[in-house]
PDB file of all heavy atoms in Angstrom:
ATOM      1  N   ALA A   1      -3.042  -7.634   6.223  1.00  0.00           N
ATOM      2  CA  ALA A   1      -3.748  -7.648   7.506  1.00  0.00           C
ATOM      3  C   ALA A   1      -3.611  -8.992   8.217  1.00  0.00           C
ATOM      4  O   ALA A   1      -3.527  -9.055   9.446  1.00  0.00           O
ATOM      5  CB  ALA A   1      -5.222  -7.307   7.283  1.00  0.00           C
ATOM      6  N   VAL A   2      -3.554 -10.082   7.449  1.00  0.00           N
ATOM      7  CA  VAL A   2      -3.478 -11.415   8.045  1.00  0.00           C
ATOM      8  C   VAL A   2      -2.152 -11.644   8.762  1.00  0.00           C
ATOM      9  O   VAL A   2      -2.066 -12.500   9.662  1.00  0.00           O
ATOM     10  CB  VAL A   2      -3.681 -12.490   6.958  1.00  0.00           C
ATOM     11  CG1 VAL A   2      -2.506 -12.528   5.993  1.00  0.00           C
ATOM     12  CG2 VAL A   2      -3.927 -13.862   7.562  1.00  0.00           C
ATOM     13  N   ALA A   3      -1.111 -10.900   8.423  1.00  0.00           N
ATOM     14  CA  ALA A   3       0.222 -11.157   8.974  1.00  0.00           C
ATOM     15  C   ALA A   3       0.265 -11.070  10.489  1.00  0.00           C
ATOM     16  O   ALA A   3       0.998 -11.810  11.151  1.00  0.00           O
ATOM     17  CB  ALA A   3       1.237 -10.177   8.371  1.00  0.00           C
ATOM     18  N   ASP A   4      -0.529 -10.187  11.061  1.00  0.00           N
ATOM     19  CA  ASP A   4      -0.518 -10.009  12.513  1.00  0.00           C
ATOM     20  C   ASP A   4      -1.333 -11.083  13.232  1.00  0.00           C
ATOM     21  O   ASP A   4      -1.275 -11.195  14.450  1.00  0.00           O
ATOM     22  CB  ASP A   4      -1.061  -8.616  12.866  1.00  0.00           C
ATOM     23  CG  ASP A   4      -0.739  -8.198  14.289  1.00  0.00           C
ATOM     24  OD1 ASP A   4       0.330  -8.595  14.798  1.00  0.00           O
ATOM     25  OD2 ASP A   4      -1.546  -7.476  14.898  1.00  0.00           O
ATOM     26  N   HIS A   5      -2.096 -11.871  12.465  1.00  0.00           N
ATOM     27  CA  HIS A   5      -2.974 -12.870  13.074  1.00  0.00           C
ATOM     28  C   HIS A   5      -2.472 -14.302  12.885  1.00  0.00           C
ATOM     29  O   HIS A   5      -3.137 -15.247  13.314  1.00  0.00           O
ATOM     30  CB  HIS A   5      -4.384 -12.729  12.503  1.00  0.00           C
ATOM     31  CG  HIS A   5      -4.990 -11.375  12.719  1.00  0.00           C
ATOM     32  ND1 HIS A   5      -5.458 -10.960  13.942  1.00  0.00           N
ATOM     33  CD2 HIS A   5      -5.148 -10.324  11.870  1.00  0.00           C
ATOM     34  CE1 HIS A   5      -5.909  -9.718  13.843  1.00  0.00           C
ATOM     35  NE2 HIS A   5      -5.730  -9.306  12.608  1.00  0.00           N
ATOM     36  N   LEU A   6      -1.336 -14.453  12.235  1.00  0.00           N
ATOM     37  CA  LEU A   6      -0.757 -15.782  12.075  1.00  0.00           C
ATOM     38  C   LEU A   6      -0.147 -16.236  13.392  1.00  0.00           C
ATOM     39  O   LEU A   6       0.094 -15.442  14.295  1.00  0.00           O
ATOM     40  CB  LEU A   6       0.310 -15.756  10.973  1.00  0.00           C
ATOM     41  CG  LEU A   6      -0.172 -15.374   9.572  1.00  0.00           C
ATOM     42  CD1 LEU A   6       1.007 -15.287   8.617  1.00  0.00           C
ATOM     43  CD2 LEU A   6      -1.189 -16.393   9.065  1.00  0.00           C
ATOM     44  N   ARG A   7       0.125 -17.520  13.484  1.00  0.00           N
ATOM     45  CA  ARG A   7       0.787 -18.060  14.678  1.00  0.00           C
ATOM     46  C   ARG A   7       2.031 -18.810  14.245  1.00  0.00           C
ATOM     47  O   ARG A   7       1.931 -19.878  13.667  1.00  0.00           O
ATOM     48  CB  ARG A   7      -0.160 -18.980  15.460  1.00  0.00           C
ATOM     49  CG  ARG A   7      -1.286 -18.219  16.112  1.00  0.00           C
ATOM     50  CD  ARG A   7      -0.740 -17.292  17.206  1.00  0.00           C
ATOM     51  NE  ARG A   7      -1.786 -16.467  17.816  1.00  0.00           N
ATOM     52  CZ  ARG A   7      -2.117 -15.248  17.419  1.00  0.00           C
ATOM     53  NH1 ARG A   7      -1.482 -14.710  16.402  1.00  0.00           N
ATOM     54  NH2 ARG A   7      -3.057 -14.575  18.020  1.00  0.00           N
ATOM     55  N   PRO A   8       3.235 -18.233  14.476  1.00  0.00           N
ATOM     56  CA  PRO A   8       3.452 -16.947  15.136  1.00  0.00           C
ATOM     57  C   PRO A   8       3.177 -15.768  14.194  1.00  0.00           C
ATOM     58  O   PRO A   8       3.205 -15.938  12.970  1.00  0.00           O
ATOM     59  CB  PRO A   8       4.945 -17.003  15.488  1.00  0.00           C
ATOM     60  CG  PRO A   8       5.531 -17.846  14.395  1.00  0.00           C
ATOM     61  CD  PRO A   8       4.506 -18.896  14.106  1.00  0.00           C
ATOM     62  N   PRO A   9       2.923 -14.570  14.773  1.00  0.00           N
ATOM     63  CA  PRO A   9       2.749 -13.383  13.927  1.00  0.00           C
ATOM     64  C   PRO A   9       3.976 -13.160  13.049  1.00  0.00           C
ATOM     65  O   PRO A   9       5.106 -13.411  13.461  1.00  0.00           O
ATOM     66  CB  PRO A   9       2.569 -12.249  14.944  1.00  0.00           C
ATOM     67  CG  PRO A   9       2.066 -12.933  16.175  1.00  0.00           C
ATOM     68  CD  PRO A   9       2.755 -14.272  16.198  1.00  0.00           C
ATOM     69  N   LEU A  10       3.733 -12.696  11.836  1.00  0.00           N
ATOM     70  CA  LEU A  10       4.763 -12.666  10.801  1.00  0.00           C
ATOM     71  C   LEU A  10       5.580 -11.378  10.794  1.00  0.00           C
ATOM     72  O   LEU A  10       5.040 -10.276  10.682  1.00  0.00           O
ATOM     73  CB  LEU A  10       4.107 -12.846   9.427  1.00  0.00           C
ATOM     74  CG  LEU A  10       5.031 -12.943   8.214  1.00  0.00           C
ATOM     75  CD1 LEU A  10       5.859 -14.220   8.277  1.00  0.00           C
ATOM     76  CD2 LEU A  10       4.207 -12.892   6.932  1.00  0.00           C
ATOM     77  N   THR A  11       6.897 -11.528  10.888  1.00  0.00           N
ATOM     78  CA  THR A  11       7.803 -10.408  10.642  1.00  0.00           C
ATOM     79  C   THR A  11       7.829 -10.151   9.139  1.00  0.00           C
ATOM     80  O   THR A  11       7.951 -11.083   8.342  1.00  0.00           O
ATOM     81  CB  THR A  11       9.218 -10.735  11.146  1.00  0.00           C
ATOM     82  OG1 THR A  11       9.198 -10.779  12.575  1.00  0.00           O
ATOM     83  CG2 THR A  11      10.222  -9.680  10.695  1.00  0.00           C
ATOM     84  N   THR A  12       7.710  -8.892   8.748  1.00  0.00           N
ATOM     85  CA  THR A  12       7.542  -8.586   7.335  1.00  0.00           C
ATOM     86  C   THR A  12       7.995  -7.162   7.041  1.00  0.00           C
ATOM     87  O   THR A  12       8.555  -6.491   7.914  1.00  0.00           O
ATOM     88  CB  THR A  12       6.055  -8.800   6.936  1.00  0.00           C
ATOM     89  OG1 THR A  12       5.901  -8.590   5.539  1.00  0.00           O
ATOM     90  CG2 THR A  12       5.135  -7.872   7.701  1.00  0.00           C
ATOM     91  N   VAL A  13       7.762  -6.727   5.833  1.00  0.00           N
ATOM     92  CA  VAL A  13       8.028  -5.345   5.428  1.00  0.00           C
ATOM     93  C   VAL A  13       6.700  -4.719   5.024  1.00  0.00           C
ATOM     94  O   VAL A  13       5.983  -5.268   4.177  1.00  0.00           O
ATOM     95  CB  VAL A  13       9.013  -5.278   4.249  1.00  0.00           C
ATOM     96  CG1 VAL A  13       9.181  -3.841   3.752  1.00  0.00           C
ATOM     97  CG2 VAL A  13      10.374  -5.843   4.664  1.00  0.00           C
ATOM     98  N   GLY A  14       6.382  -3.601   5.642  1.00  0.00           N
ATOM     99  CA  GLY A  14       5.135  -2.921   5.310  1.00  0.00           C
ATOM    100  C   GLY A  14       5.326  -2.020   4.101  1.00  0.00           C
ATOM    101  O   GLY A  14       6.195  -1.157   4.099  1.00  0.00           O
ATOM    102  N   GLN A  15       4.513  -2.266   3.079  1.00  0.00           N
ATOM    103  CA  GLN A  15       4.526  -1.341   1.952  1.00  0.00           C
ATOM    104  C   GLN A  15       3.147  -0.676   1.867  1.00  0.00           C
ATOM    105  O   GLN A  15       2.131  -1.315   2.124  1.00  0.00           O
ATOM    106  CB  GLN A  15       4.872  -2.035   0.645  1.00  0.00           C
ATOM    107  CG  GLN A  15       3.868  -3.063   0.139  1.00  0.00           C
ATOM    108  CD  GLN A  15       4.052  -3.329  -1.345  1.00  0.00           C
ATOM    109  OE1 GLN A  15       4.248  -2.416  -2.129  1.00  0.00           O
ATOM    110  NE2 GLN A  15       3.989  -4.600  -1.733  1.00  0.00           N
ATOM    111  N   PRO A  16       3.098   0.598   1.513  1.00  0.00           N
ATOM    112  CA  PRO A  16       1.828   1.343   1.516  1.00  0.00           C
ATOM    113  C   PRO A  16       1.007   1.056   0.268  1.00  0.00           C
ATOM    114  O   PRO A  16       0.978   1.843  -0.681  1.00  0.00           O
ATOM    115  CB  PRO A  16       2.302   2.803   1.567  1.00  0.00           C
ATOM    116  CG  PRO A  16       3.608   2.787   0.830  1.00  0.00           C
ATOM    117  CD  PRO A  16       4.240   1.457   1.162  1.00  0.00           C
ATOM    118  N   MET A  17       0.309  -0.078   0.248  1.00  0.00           N
ATOM    119  CA  MET A  17      -0.374  -0.526  -0.959  1.00  0.00           C
ATOM    120  C   MET A  17      -1.477   0.442  -1.396  1.00  0.00           C
ATOM    121  O   MET A  17      -1.611   0.749  -2.589  1.00  0.00           O
ATOM    122  CB  MET A  17      -0.933  -1.929  -0.737  1.00  0.00           C
ATOM    123  CG  MET A  17       0.154  -2.987  -0.610  1.00  0.00           C
ATOM    124  SD  MET A  17      -0.453  -4.617  -0.105  1.00  0.00           S
ATOM    125  CE  MET A  17      -0.729  -4.356   1.651  1.00  0.00           C
ATOM    126  N   ARG A  18      -2.280   0.910  -0.445  1.00  0.00           N
ATOM    127  CA  ARG A  18      -3.322   1.870  -0.821  1.00  0.00           C
ATOM    128  C   ARG A  18      -2.723   3.196  -1.274  1.00  0.00           C
ATOM    129  O   ARG A  18      -3.242   3.833  -2.187  1.00  0.00           O
ATOM    130  CB  ARG A  18      -4.288   2.083   0.345  1.00  0.00           C
ATOM    131  CG  ARG A  18      -5.103   0.848   0.675  1.00  0.00           C
ATOM    132  CD  ARG A  18      -6.296   1.166   1.544  1.00  0.00           C
ATOM    133  NE  ARG A  18      -7.023  -0.039   1.896  1.00  0.00           N
ATOM    134  CZ  ARG A  18      -8.226  -0.056   2.463  1.00  0.00           C
ATOM    135  NH1 ARG A  18      -8.832   1.089   2.747  1.00  0.00           N
ATOM    136  NH2 ARG A  18      -8.818  -1.189   2.744  1.00  0.00           N
ATOM    137  N   ASP A  19      -1.643   3.594  -0.642  1.00  0.00           N
ATOM    138  CA  ASP A  19      -0.973   4.833  -1.060  1.00  0.00           C
ATOM    139  C   ASP A  19      -0.424   4.708  -2.478  1.00  0.00           C
ATOM    140  O   ASP A  19      -0.346   5.697  -3.210  1.00  0.00           O
ATOM    141  CB  ASP A  19       0.168   5.173  -0.095  1.00  0.00           C
ATOM    142  CG  ASP A  19      -0.333   5.632   1.260  1.00  0.00           C
ATOM    143  OD1 ASP A  19      -1.546   5.907   1.378  1.00  0.00           O
ATOM    144  OD2 ASP A  19       0.481   5.715   2.197  1.00  0.00           O
ATOM    145  N   LEU A  20      -0.013   3.498  -2.859  1.00  0.00           N
ATOM    146  CA  LEU A  20       0.450   3.273  -4.233  1.00  0.00           C
ATOM    147  C   LEU A  20      -0.654   3.614  -5.241  1.00  0.00           C
ATOM    148  O   LEU A  20      -0.429   4.345  -6.215  1.00  0.00           O
ATOM    149  CB  LEU A  20       0.848   1.808  -4.417  1.00  0.00           C
ATOM    150  CG  LEU A  20       2.296   1.408  -4.194  1.00  0.00           C
ATOM    151  CD1 LEU A  20       2.417  -0.109  -4.278  1.00  0.00           C
ATOM    152  CD2 LEU A  20       3.206   2.063  -5.203  1.00  0.00           C
ATOM    153  N   GLY A  21      -1.840   3.052  -5.002  1.00  0.00           N
ATOM    154  CA  GLY A  21      -2.957   3.323  -5.899  1.00  0.00           C
ATOM    155  C   GLY A  21      -3.327   4.786  -5.927  1.00  0.00           C
ATOM    156  O   GLY A  21      -3.580   5.367  -6.987  1.00  0.00           O
ATOM    157  N   ALA A  22      -3.352   5.405  -4.734  1.00  0.00           N
ATOM    158  CA  ALA A  22      -3.703   6.826  -4.653  1.00  0.00           C
ATOM    159  C   ALA A  22      -2.665   7.690  -5.364  1.00  0.00           C
ATOM    160  O   ALA A  22      -3.007   8.621  -6.102  1.00  0.00           O
ATOM    161  CB  ALA A  22      -3.834   7.242  -3.190  1.00  0.00           C
ATOM    162  N   ALA A  23      -1.388   7.388  -5.151  1.00  0.00           N
ATOM    163  CA  ALA A  23      -0.326   8.180  -5.774  1.00  0.00           C
ATOM    164  C   ALA A  23      -0.378   8.064  -7.294  1.00  0.00           C
ATOM    165  O   ALA A  23      -0.106   9.029  -8.021  1.00  0.00           O
ATOM    166  CB  ALA A  23       1.038   7.727  -5.254  1.00  0.00           C
ATOM    167  N   ALA A  24      -0.729   6.892  -7.789  1.00  0.00           N
ATOM    168  CA  ALA A  24      -0.819   6.697  -9.235  1.00  0.00           C
ATOM    169  C   ALA A  24      -1.943   7.540  -9.830  1.00  0.00           C
ATOM    170  O   ALA A  24      -1.780   8.165 -10.883  1.00  0.00           O
ATOM    171  CB  ALA A  24      -1.030   5.224  -9.554  1.00  0.00           C
ATOM    172  N   VAL A  25      -3.093   7.563  -9.169  1.00  0.00           N
ATOM    173  CA  VAL A  25      -4.207   8.390  -9.648  1.00  0.00           C
ATOM    174  C   VAL A  25      -3.839   9.872  -9.593  1.00  0.00           C
ATOM    175  O   VAL A  25      -4.117  10.636 -10.523  1.00  0.00           O
ATOM    176  CB  VAL A  25      -5.486   8.110  -8.832  1.00  0.00           C
ATOM    177  CG1 VAL A  25      -6.564   9.161  -9.123  1.00  0.00           C
ATOM    178  CG2 VAL A  25      -6.016   6.723  -9.146  1.00  0.00           C
ATOM    179  N   HIS A  26      -3.194  10.282  -8.497  1.00  0.00           N
ATOM    180  CA  HIS A  26      -2.763  11.685  -8.391  1.00  0.00           C
ATOM    181  C   HIS A  26      -1.809  12.041  -9.534  1.00  0.00           C
ATOM    182  O   HIS A  26      -1.861  13.154 -10.077  1.00  0.00           O
ATOM    183  CB  HIS A  26      -2.086  11.934  -7.045  1.00  0.00           C
ATOM    184  CG  HIS A  26      -3.021  11.941  -5.881  1.00  0.00           C
ATOM    185  ND1 HIS A  26      -4.211  12.620  -5.900  1.00  0.00           N
ATOM    186  CD2 HIS A  26      -2.936  11.352  -4.654  1.00  0.00           C
ATOM    187  CE1 HIS A  26      -4.837  12.447  -4.737  1.00  0.00           C
ATOM    188  NE2 HIS A  26      -4.089  11.685  -3.973  1.00  0.00           N
ATOM    189  N   ALA A  27      -0.935  11.099  -9.906  1.00  0.00           N
ATOM    190  CA  ALA A  27       0.009  11.358 -10.995  1.00  0.00           C
ATOM    191  C   ALA A  27      -0.724  11.530 -12.326  1.00  0.00           C
ATOM    192  O   ALA A  27      -0.359  12.385 -13.141  1.00  0.00           O
ATOM    193  CB  ALA A  27       1.031  10.227 -11.086  1.00  0.00           C
ATOM    194  N   VAL A  28      -1.769  10.718 -12.537  1.00  0.00           N
ATOM    195  CA  VAL A  28      -2.576  10.867 -13.750  1.00  0.00           C
ATOM    196  C   VAL A  28      -3.234  12.245 -13.781  1.00  0.00           C
ATOM    197  O   VAL A  28      -3.207  12.952 -14.798  1.00  0.00           O
ATOM    198  CB  VAL A  28      -3.651   9.764 -13.831  1.00  0.00           C
ATOM    199  CG1 VAL A  28      -4.688  10.109 -14.904  1.00  0.00           C
ATOM    200  CG2 VAL A  28      -3.021   8.419 -14.141  1.00  0.00           C
ATOM    201  N   LEU A  29      -3.825  12.648 -12.657  1.00  0.00           N
ATOM    202  CA  LEU A  29      -4.523  13.932 -12.602  1.00  0.00           C
ATOM    203  C   LEU A  29      -3.551  15.104 -12.757  1.00  0.00           C
ATOM    204  O   LEU A  29      -3.884  16.116 -13.378  1.00  0.00           O
ATOM    205  CB  LEU A  29      -5.290  14.051 -11.275  1.00  0.00           C
ATOM    206  CG  LEU A  29      -6.384  12.991 -11.065  1.00  0.00           C
ATOM    207  CD1 LEU A  29      -7.040  13.162  -9.707  1.00  0.00           C
ATOM    208  CD2 LEU A  29      -7.439  13.060 -12.172  1.00  0.00           C
ATOM    209  N   THR A  30      -2.359  14.953 -12.214  1.00  0.00           N
ATOM    210  CA  THR A  30      -1.332  15.996 -12.386  1.00  0.00           C
ATOM    211  C   THR A  30      -0.965  16.143 -13.854  1.00  0.00           C
ATOM    212  O   THR A  30      -0.820  17.251 -14.373  1.00  0.00           O
ATOM    213  CB  THR A  30      -0.078  15.652 -11.564  1.00  0.00           C
ATOM    214  OG1 THR A  30      -0.415  15.634 -10.178  1.00  0.00           O
ATOM    215  CG2 THR A  30       1.027  16.672 -11.795  1.00  0.00           C
ATOM    216  N   ARG A  31      -0.820  14.997 -14.532  1.00  0.00           N
ATOM    217  CA  ARG A  31      -0.478  15.034 -15.950  1.00  0.00           C
ATOM    218  C   ARG A  31      -1.598  15.660 -16.771  1.00  0.00           C
ATOM    219  O   ARG A  31      -1.359  16.380 -17.732  1.00  0.00           O
ATOM    220  CB  ARG A  31      -0.191  13.610 -16.430  1.00  0.00           C
ATOM    221  CG  ARG A  31       0.226  13.493 -17.878  1.00  0.00           C
ATOM    222  CD  ARG A  31       1.527  14.168 -18.166  1.00  0.00           C
ATOM    223  NE  ARG A  31       2.615  13.662 -17.341  1.00  0.00           N
ATOM    224  CZ  ARG A  31       3.820  14.210 -17.275  1.00  0.00           C
ATOM    225  NH1 ARG A  31       4.072  15.300 -17.971  1.00  0.00           N
ATOM    226  NH2 ARG A  31       4.762  13.710 -16.501  1.00  0.00           N
ATOM    227  N   LEU A  32      -2.856  15.415 -16.382  1.00  0.00           N
ATOM    228  CA  LEU A  32      -3.986  16.034 -17.072  1.00  0.00           C
ATOM    229  C   LEU A  32      -3.973  17.547 -16.913  1.00  0.00           C
ATOM    230  O   LEU A  32      -4.340  18.289 -17.824  1.00  0.00           O
ATOM    231  CB  LEU A  32      -5.307  15.477 -16.525  1.00  0.00           C
ATOM    232  CG  LEU A  32      -5.696  14.072 -16.985  1.00  0.00           C
ATOM    233  CD1 LEU A  32      -6.854  13.551 -16.161  1.00  0.00           C
ATOM    234  CD2 LEU A  32      -6.049  14.074 -18.463  1.00  0.00           C
ATOM    235  N   GLY A  33      -3.529  17.992 -15.738  1.00  0.00           N
ATOM    236  CA  GLY A  33      -3.482  19.425 -15.484  1.00  0.00           C
ATOM    237  C   GLY A  33      -2.340  20.124 -16.176  1.00  0.00           C
ATOM    238  O   GLY A  33      -2.388  21.336 -16.411  1.00  0.00           O
TER     239      GLY A  33
END
């Protein structure tokens, strides 16, 4: 979130960090099923 507020704003690569955590939990639940 801080990347857009730097001076100058930071060019970067967006990775879906929350989606990573969610996908990992979904994978655990799939394996349980």
